[in-house]
Amino acid sequence: MGVTVDVAYKSLNKFTEILCGDKVEILQTKDSDIMILADGMGSGVKANILATLTSKILGTMFLNGATLEECVDTIVQTLPVCQVRQVAYATFSILQVFNNGDAYLVEFDNPGCIFIRDGKLMEIPQNIREVEGKKINEYRFQVKRGDAFILMSDGTIHAGVGDLLNFGWLWEDIAAYAVKQYALTISSVRLANALSQACDELYGFRPGDDTTVAVMRIIDSKPVHVMTGPAKNPEDDTRMVHDFLSNPAAKTVVCGGTSATIVSRVLNRRLDVSLDYVDPEIPPIAYMDGIDLVTEGVLTLNRVLQLLRRYVKNETVSEDFFEELDKPNGASMVAKMIIEDCTEVHLYVGKAINSAYQNPGIPFDLGIRQNLVEQLKTTIAEMGRKVDVIYY
């Protein structure tokens, strides 16, 4: 069975800057996952353009099988050189993990990757080679489940310089803090957020440089199956339920009262609705043996979509986000499952139209359920999760 990754990142903009001068690209090929962190020289718009170009060039070329030499040569020929410092464009780190466990790390002038295995810091050997006059470190190795890798821009090691710390937050201290935060159960988003928050605090919440932390963890495959809406033809209900429950290893979520009733009938299992209204805007959850979570339908899924979009927009540094994610309402529980405990999502969607969803009084600008599902599919894909939809 191939390895699976959990990837997340968090960026802090330099204080007063609207755009971040760091850029992270998360890519997938048929046999690997790739994480690229580029740090553009300077800050603001210029740095953002340089970092974006660097990450896009590297990502596009890697996806098309280009060698490291070809990638670096293209960057050197494409991006400008500082007329004052006569130094390059952007620095970068690339981590590629193949499904068979092979891994490839490339580092150019970014702080070194933090590699944690079995709760201990692992040393990454120096294997320097010169490409187009640039000294680049390469490392090929094998990953195993539980490994964590942290790529960083230099804003992390500058945190606290001349204020709380004389020389900034040293790499060794960041690594020690990451090891302390690490646990087999912690998600990449929580680990990235913990490190990012620590940097923000050292900067006095006024970052003096763009600061990015990108985390990749090697985990077991964690599929999530979501069923919502009755099938267009009632005779397909049984097939839909059996498909939904086809993977015993998957976590199962039923969204919608009608859907829950169908599952209850097909499986001949009791459905118990909770009487606890923990959020006045979100209907309560329900319980059924063999199903991990049962929620209301469209209202709940709309809130799920809002939370996932906040995640995609990189709005996780605030504790408010995690407080919302940890709430015991159906929407937060579904969103938390997808963000923190999921590698792939399979949506089983019925196409029967509920006339209530056409009501202009519904408090969101969505059409029918399928419209909402397509937005969820797009957002989940932007998170780097595999996602597919099966309609009935």
Protein backbone atom coordinates (compact mmCIF):
# COMPACT_ATOMS: atom_id res chain seq x y z
CA MET A 1 0.00 0.00 0.00
CA GLY A 2 1.40 3.43 -0.96
CA VAL A 3 2.14 6.22 1.50
CA THR A 4 -0.28 9.11 1.99
CA VAL A 5 0.52 12.68 2.98
CA ASP A 6 -1.16 15.39 5.02
CA VAL A 7 -0.06 18.87 3.90
CA ALA A 8 -0.74 22.35 5.28
CA TYR A 9 0.95 25.72 5.46
CA LYS A 10 0.56 29.10 7.11
CA SER A 11 1.99 32.45 6.00
CA LEU A 12 2.35 35.76 7.84
CA ASN A 13 2.66 38.91 5.74
CA LYS A 14 5.32 41.44 6.65
CA PHE A 15 3.66 44.11 8.79
CA THR A 16 1.78 46.70 6.66
CA GLU A 17 2.10 44.57 3.49
CA ILE A 18 -1.08 43.32 1.80
CA LEU A 19 0.65 40.60 -0.23
CA CYS A 20 2.98 37.90 1.07
CA GLY A 21 6.43 37.54 -0.46
CA ASP A 22 6.38 33.78 0.12
CA LYS A 23 4.46 31.28 -2.00
CA VAL A 24 3.61 27.63 -1.41
CA GLU A 25 2.55 25.26 -4.19
CA ILE A 26 1.06 21.85 -3.36
CA LEU A 27 0.94 19.55 -6.37
CA GLN A 28 0.04 15.95 -7.14
CA THR A 29 1.24 13.62 -9.86
CA LYS A 30 -0.04 10.12 -10.50
CA ASP A 31 2.71 8.71 -8.27
CA SER A 32 3.83 11.53 -5.94
CA ASP A 33 2.98 14.60 -3.87
CA ILE A 34 5.06 17.76 -4.21
CA MET A 35 5.36 20.73 -1.83
CA ILE A 36 7.25 23.84 -3.00
CA LEU A 37 8.04 26.87 -0.85
CA ALA A 38 9.47 29.92 -2.65
CA ASP A 39 10.62 33.11 -0.89
CA GLY A 40 10.81 36.19 -3.11
CA MET A 41 13.49 38.77 -2.45
CA GLY A 42 12.26 41.74 -0.44
CA SER A 43 8.60 42.08 0.44
CA GLY A 44 5.28 43.24 -0.91
CA VAL A 45 4.21 43.10 -4.55
CA LYS A 46 7.69 42.57 -6.00
CA ALA A 47 8.49 39.67 -3.68
CA ASN A 48 5.06 38.16 -4.24
CA ILE A 49 5.57 38.19 -8.02
CA LEU A 50 9.06 36.68 -7.73
CA ALA A 51 7.91 33.94 -5.35
CA THR A 52 4.84 33.15 -7.42
CA LEU A 53 6.83 32.92 -10.65
CA THR A 54 9.46 30.73 -9.00
CA SER A 55 6.97 28.33 -7.48
CA LYS A 56 4.90 28.12 -10.67
CA ILE A 57 7.94 27.51 -12.87
CA LEU A 58 9.30 24.84 -10.54
CA GLY A 59 5.92 23.16 -10.16
CA THR A 60 5.11 23.15 -13.87
CA MET A 61 8.52 21.82 -14.85
CA PHE A 62 8.61 19.16 -12.13
CA LEU A 63 5.15 17.97 -13.20
CA ASN A 64 6.46 17.62 -16.74
CA GLY A 65 9.49 15.59 -15.74
CA ALA A 66 12.17 18.29 -15.97
CA THR A 67 15.48 17.79 -14.16
CA LEU A 68 16.64 20.01 -11.32
CA GLU A 69 19.27 21.53 -13.63
CA GLU A 70 16.62 22.44 -16.20
CA CYS A 71 14.40 23.97 -13.51
CA VAL A 72 17.14 26.13 -12.03
CA ASP A 73 18.41 27.18 -15.47
CA THR A 74 14.90 28.30 -16.43
CA ILE A 75 14.54 30.33 -13.24
CA VAL A 76 17.94 31.98 -13.74
CA GLN A 77 17.06 32.87 -17.33
CA THR A 78 13.51 34.02 -16.54
CA LEU A 79 13.59 35.99 -13.31
CA PRO A 80 15.40 39.30 -12.79
CA VAL A 81 18.52 39.87 -10.70
CA CYS A 82 18.72 42.62 -8.08
CA GLN A 83 20.68 45.49 -9.61
CA VAL A 84 22.01 46.55 -6.19
CA ARG A 85 22.88 43.23 -4.56
CA GLN A 86 23.47 41.31 -7.79
CA VAL A 87 21.76 38.32 -6.19
CA ALA A 88 18.84 36.29 -7.34
CA TYR A 89 15.16 36.45 -7.58
CA ALA A 90 14.02 33.94 -4.94
CA THR A 91 15.05 31.07 -2.70
CA PHE A 92 13.15 27.80 -2.60
CA SER A 93 12.66 24.38 -1.03
CA ILE A 94 11.08 21.39 -2.77
CA LEU A 95 9.89 18.18 -1.13
CA GLN A 96 8.59 15.36 -3.32
CA VAL A 97 7.26 12.16 -1.76
CA PHE A 98 6.46 9.22 -4.03
CA ASN A 99 3.74 6.68 -3.36
CA ASN A 100 6.35 3.94 -2.89
CA GLY A 101 7.99 5.88 -0.04
CA ASP A 102 10.90 7.39 -1.98
CA ALA A 103 11.47 11.06 -1.17
CA TYR A 104 13.48 13.87 -2.73
CA LEU A 105 14.36 17.13 -0.96
CA VAL A 106 15.92 20.15 -2.70
CA GLU A 107 16.96 23.27 -0.78
CA PHE A 108 18.31 26.57 -2.08
CA ASP A 109 19.09 29.20 0.57
CA ASN A 110 15.95 28.65 2.66
CA PRO A 111 16.33 27.53 6.29
CA GLY A 112 16.91 23.78 6.37
CA CYS A 113 14.00 21.34 6.46
CA ILE A 114 13.07 20.08 9.93
CA PHE A 115 12.69 16.29 9.77
CA ILE A 116 10.97 14.58 12.72
CA ARG A 117 10.76 10.78 13.01
CA ASP A 118 9.46 8.84 16.01
CA GLY A 119 9.33 12.10 17.96
CA LYS A 120 13.02 12.83 17.39
CA LEU A 121 14.85 15.32 15.20
CA MET A 122 16.60 13.65 12.26
CA GLU A 123 19.73 15.03 10.66
CA ILE A 124 19.57 15.86 6.95
CA PRO A 125 23.03 15.31 5.45
CA GLN A 126 24.65 17.98 3.29
CA ASN A 127 24.94 16.90 -0.32
CA ILE A 128 25.81 20.19 -2.00
CA ARG A 129 25.96 20.44 -5.76
CA GLU A 130 26.40 23.51 -7.92
CA VAL A 131 23.77 24.23 -10.56
CA GLU A 132 24.10 27.36 -12.69
CA GLY A 133 26.44 28.80 -10.08
CA LYS A 134 23.95 28.17 -7.26
CA LYS A 135 24.79 25.87 -4.35
CA ILE A 136 21.87 23.50 -3.84
CA ASN A 137 21.44 20.75 -1.27
CA GLU A 138 19.82 17.50 -2.42
CA TYR A 139 18.70 14.59 -0.26
CA ARG A 140 17.15 11.30 -1.37
CA PHE A 141 15.70 9.04 1.29
CA GLN A 142 12.83 6.79 2.32
CA VAL A 143 9.89 8.01 4.39
CA LYS A 144 7.79 6.02 6.81
CA ARG A 145 4.44 6.58 8.46
CA GLY A 146 4.56 9.18 11.22
CA ASP A 147 7.35 11.26 9.65
CA ALA A 148 6.90 15.03 9.66
CA PHE A 149 8.71 17.56 7.46
CA ILE A 150 8.70 21.33 7.99
CA LEU A 151 9.81 23.75 5.27
CA MET A 152 10.31 27.40 6.25
CA SER A 153 11.09 30.80 4.79
CA ASP A 154 13.74 32.90 6.53
CA GLY A 155 11.10 34.98 8.31
CA THR A 156 10.97 32.20 10.89
CA ILE A 157 14.61 32.50 11.93
CA HIS A 158 14.38 36.31 11.92
CA ALA A 159 11.51 36.31 14.42
CA GLY A 160 12.39 38.35 17.49
CA VAL A 161 15.66 39.76 16.11
CA GLY A 162 16.89 42.72 18.17
CA ASP A 163 13.82 42.69 20.35
CA LEU A 164 12.97 39.57 22.31
CA LEU A 165 15.97 37.65 20.93
CA ASN A 166 19.42 38.97 20.01
CA PHE A 167 19.89 36.76 16.99
CA GLY A 168 16.34 35.75 16.16
CA TRP A 169 14.70 32.38 16.69
CA LEU A 170 17.59 30.03 15.91
CA TRP A 171 16.91 27.03 13.67
CA GLU A 172 17.86 24.68 16.51
CA ASP A 173 15.31 26.31 18.79
CA ILE A 174 12.59 26.17 16.14
CA ALA A 175 13.35 22.48 15.59
CA ALA A 176 13.23 21.79 19.33
CA TYR A 177 9.88 23.61 19.58
CA ALA A 178 8.52 21.63 16.61
CA VAL A 179 9.58 18.35 18.22
CA LYS A 180 7.84 19.43 21.43
CA GLN A 181 4.64 20.23 19.51
CA TYR A 182 4.81 17.04 17.44
CA ALA A 183 2.57 14.09 18.20
CA LEU A 184 1.36 11.23 16.03
CA THR A 185 -2.16 12.60 16.32
CA ILE A 186 -1.42 16.25 15.51
CA SER A 187 -2.54 17.37 12.07
CA SER A 188 -0.31 19.31 9.69
CA VAL A 189 -2.55 22.37 9.99
CA ARG A 190 -2.25 22.41 13.79
CA LEU A 191 1.53 21.97 13.66
CA ALA A 192 1.96 24.70 11.04
CA ASN A 193 -0.31 27.00 13.02
CA ALA A 194 1.58 26.40 16.29
CA LEU A 195 4.91 27.35 14.71
CA SER A 196 3.40 30.33 12.87
CA GLN A 197 1.77 31.64 16.05
CA ALA A 198 5.06 31.38 17.91
CA CYS A 199 6.76 33.45 15.18
CA ASP A 200 3.96 36.02 15.28
CA GLU A 201 4.34 36.38 19.06
CA LEU A 202 8.12 36.79 18.79
CA TYR A 203 7.54 39.55 16.23
CA GLY A 204 5.17 41.24 18.68
CA PHE A 205 2.38 40.55 16.16
CA ARG A 206 4.09 42.91 13.70
CA PRO A 207 6.14 40.57 11.49
CA GLY A 208 9.34 42.18 10.23
CA ASP A 209 9.51 39.75 7.31
CA ASP A 210 7.21 37.46 5.36
CA THR A 211 7.08 34.23 7.34
CA THR A 212 5.88 30.85 6.08
CA VAL A 213 5.76 27.40 7.64
CA ALA A 214 4.78 24.44 5.42
CA VAL A 215 4.25 20.99 6.94
CA MET A 216 4.00 17.56 5.34
CA ARG A 217 3.19 14.48 7.41
CA ILE A 218 3.27 10.86 6.28
CA ILE A 219 0.05 9.22 7.43
CA ASP A 220 -2.27 6.31 6.75
CA SER A 221 -4.92 6.78 4.09
CA LYS A 222 -8.02 8.35 5.66
CA PRO A 223 -10.99 8.31 3.28
CA VAL A 224 -14.20 10.12 4.19
CA HIS A 225 -17.52 9.15 2.56
CA VAL A 226 -20.30 11.76 2.56
CA MET A 227 -23.86 10.97 1.50
CA THR A 228 -26.37 13.73 0.91
CA GLY A 229 -29.72 13.93 -0.84
CA PRO A 230 -32.12 11.19 -1.98
CA ALA A 231 -31.56 9.49 -5.32
CA LYS A 232 -33.52 10.83 -8.29
CA ASN A 233 -35.10 7.39 -8.68
CA PRO A 234 -36.19 5.88 -5.33
CA GLU A 235 -35.26 2.40 -6.58
CA ASP A 236 -31.60 3.54 -6.48
CA ASP A 237 -31.69 4.25 -2.72
CA THR A 238 -30.38 0.83 -1.73
CA ARG A 239 -27.53 0.90 -4.26
CA MET A 240 -26.58 4.41 -3.13
CA VAL A 241 -26.41 3.36 0.53
CA HIS A 242 -24.37 0.24 -0.25
CA ASP A 243 -21.90 2.28 -2.35
CA PHE A 244 -21.65 4.82 0.45
CA LEU A 245 -20.72 2.06 2.91
CA SER A 246 -18.50 0.14 0.50
CA ASN A 247 -15.21 0.91 2.28
CA PRO A 248 -15.12 -0.35 5.89
CA ALA A 249 -12.06 1.84 6.59
CA ALA A 250 -13.79 5.08 5.58
CA LYS A 251 -15.39 7.52 8.00
CA THR A 252 -19.04 7.96 7.08
CA VAL A 253 -21.09 11.16 7.18
CA VAL A 254 -24.77 11.48 6.26
CA CYS A 255 -25.95 15.05 5.61
CA GLY A 256 -29.71 15.56 5.42
CA GLY A 257 -32.80 14.36 7.20
CA THR A 258 -34.19 12.56 4.17
CA SER A 259 -30.82 10.92 3.51
CA ALA A 260 -30.59 9.77 7.12
CA THR A 261 -34.10 8.31 6.93
CA ILE A 262 -33.13 6.39 3.77
CA VAL A 263 -30.00 4.98 5.40
CA SER A 264 -32.01 4.03 8.49
CA ARG A 265 -34.59 2.23 6.36
CA VAL A 266 -32.10 0.41 4.12
CA LEU A 267 -29.95 -0.73 7.06
CA ASN A 268 -32.89 -1.24 9.41
CA ARG A 269 -31.16 0.82 12.08
CA ARG A 270 -32.61 3.29 14.54
CA LEU A 271 -32.09 7.04 13.99
CA ASP A 272 -31.93 9.18 17.15
CA VAL A 273 -31.92 12.97 16.85
CA SER A 274 -30.05 14.99 19.48
CA LEU A 275 -32.04 17.56 21.42
CA ASP A 276 -28.99 19.77 22.02
CA TYR A 277 -29.03 22.97 19.96
CA VAL A 278 -25.40 23.99 20.47
CA ASP A 279 -25.63 26.53 17.63
CA PRO A 280 -28.96 28.25 16.88
CA GLU A 281 -28.02 28.53 13.18
CA ILE A 282 -27.12 24.86 12.72
CA PRO A 283 -29.68 22.09 13.33
CA PRO A 284 -28.60 19.39 15.81
CA ILE A 285 -26.84 16.18 14.82
CA ALA A 286 -28.31 12.69 15.03
CA TYR A 287 -26.98 9.23 15.84
CA MET A 288 -27.09 5.89 14.06
CA ASP A 289 -25.13 2.71 14.71
CA GLY A 290 -22.38 2.22 12.14
CA ILE A 291 -22.43 5.84 10.91
CA ASP A 292 -19.77 8.20 12.25
CA LEU A 293 -21.79 11.40 11.90
CA VAL A 294 -25.36 12.33 10.92
CA THR A 295 -26.23 15.99 10.31
CA GLU A 296 -28.85 18.22 8.72
CA GLY A 297 -28.33 18.84 5.01
CA VAL A 298 -27.94 22.07 3.07
CA LEU A 299 -27.66 24.56 5.96
CA THR A 300 -24.95 22.43 7.54
CA LEU A 301 -23.07 21.88 4.28
CA ASN A 302 -23.14 25.61 3.56
CA ARG A 303 -21.40 26.29 6.90
CA VAL A 304 -18.93 23.49 6.11
CA LEU A 305 -18.14 25.22 2.82
CA GLN A 306 -17.54 28.53 4.61
CA LEU A 307 -15.07 26.91 7.02
CA LEU A 308 -13.22 25.08 4.25
CA ARG A 309 -12.93 28.32 2.27
CA ARG A 310 -11.42 30.03 5.30
CA TYR A 311 -8.89 27.21 5.46
CA VAL A 312 -8.07 27.56 1.76
CA LYS A 313 -7.62 31.32 2.21
CA ASN A 314 -5.00 30.55 4.88
CA GLU A 315 -7.02 32.13 7.71
CA THR A 316 -5.93 29.57 10.31
CA VAL A 317 -3.46 31.58 12.35
CA SER A 318 -6.26 32.97 14.50
CA GLU A 319 -7.37 30.86 17.44
CA ASP A 320 -10.91 31.87 16.46
CA PHE A 321 -10.70 29.51 13.50
CA PHE A 322 -9.78 26.52 15.63
CA GLU A 323 -12.34 27.46 18.27
CA GLU A 324 -14.95 27.37 15.50
CA LEU A 325 -13.55 24.09 14.19
CA ASP A 326 -13.71 22.49 17.65
CA LYS A 327 -17.36 23.39 18.29
CA PRO A 328 -19.71 20.40 18.76
CA ASN A 329 -22.11 21.36 15.96
CA GLY A 330 -22.56 19.29 12.82
CA ALA A 331 -20.89 21.74 10.43
CA SER A 332 -17.75 22.16 12.52
CA MET A 333 -17.51 18.41 13.03
CA VAL A 334 -17.69 17.73 9.27
CA ALA A 335 -15.20 20.51 8.45
CA LYS A 336 -12.77 19.34 11.14
CA MET A 337 -12.93 15.79 9.80
CA ILE A 338 -12.13 16.96 6.26
CA ILE A 339 -9.38 19.37 7.32
CA GLU A 340 -7.63 17.31 9.98
CA ASP A 341 -8.52 13.67 9.57
CA CYS A 342 -8.92 13.04 5.86
CA THR A 343 -6.82 12.32 2.77
CA GLU A 344 -9.64 11.81 0.26
CA VAL A 345 -13.35 12.59 0.06
CA HIS A 346 -16.01 10.64 -1.82
CA LEU A 347 -19.36 12.39 -2.18
CA TYR A 348 -22.48 10.31 -2.87
CA VAL A 349 -25.13 12.77 -3.99
CA GLY A 350 -28.79 12.24 -4.76
CA LYS A 351 -30.26 14.38 -7.55
CA ALA A 352 -33.85 14.48 -6.36
CA ILE A 353 -34.87 18.15 -6.11
CA ASN A 354 -36.19 19.43 -2.81
CA SER A 355 -38.49 22.38 -3.52
CA ALA A 356 -37.52 23.98 -0.19
CA TYR A 357 -34.05 24.73 -1.59
CA GLN A 358 -35.58 26.94 -4.27
CA ASN A 359 -37.04 29.24 -1.62
CA PRO A 360 -35.55 32.75 -2.02
CA GLY A 361 -35.85 33.16 1.75
CA ILE A 362 -33.06 30.67 2.41
CA PRO A 363 -30.21 32.74 3.97
CA PHE A 364 -27.50 32.05 1.38
CA ASP A 365 -27.10 32.55 -2.32
CA LEU A 366 -27.00 28.93 -3.36
CA GLY A 367 -29.23 27.13 -5.76
CA ILE A 368 -30.01 23.45 -5.50
CA ARG A 369 -27.93 20.90 -3.61
CA GLN A 370 -25.83 19.99 -6.66
CA ASN A 371 -24.57 23.57 -6.87
CA LEU A 372 -23.39 23.40 -3.27
CA VAL A 373 -21.79 20.01 -3.83
CA GLU A 374 -19.81 21.30 -6.83
CA GLN A 375 -18.52 24.20 -4.73
CA LEU A 376 -17.51 21.76 -2.01
CA LYS A 377 -15.73 19.59 -4.57
CA THR A 378 -13.75 22.55 -5.90
CA THR A 379 -12.80 23.78 -2.42
CA ILE A 380 -11.75 20.33 -1.18
CA ALA A 381 -9.56 19.91 -4.27
CA GLU A 382 -7.95 23.29 -3.53
CA MET A 383 -7.06 21.91 -0.11
CA GLY A 384 -4.96 19.25 -1.80
CA ARG A 385 -7.37 16.42 -1.02
CA LYS A 386 -8.48 13.88 -3.59
CA VAL A 387 -12.21 14.24 -4.19
CA ASP A 388 -14.83 12.71 -6.43
CA VAL A 389 -18.61 12.92 -6.76
CA ILE A 390 -21.02 10.15 -7.69
CA TYR A 391 -24.55 11.24 -8.56
CA TYR A 392 -27.67 9.07 -8.27
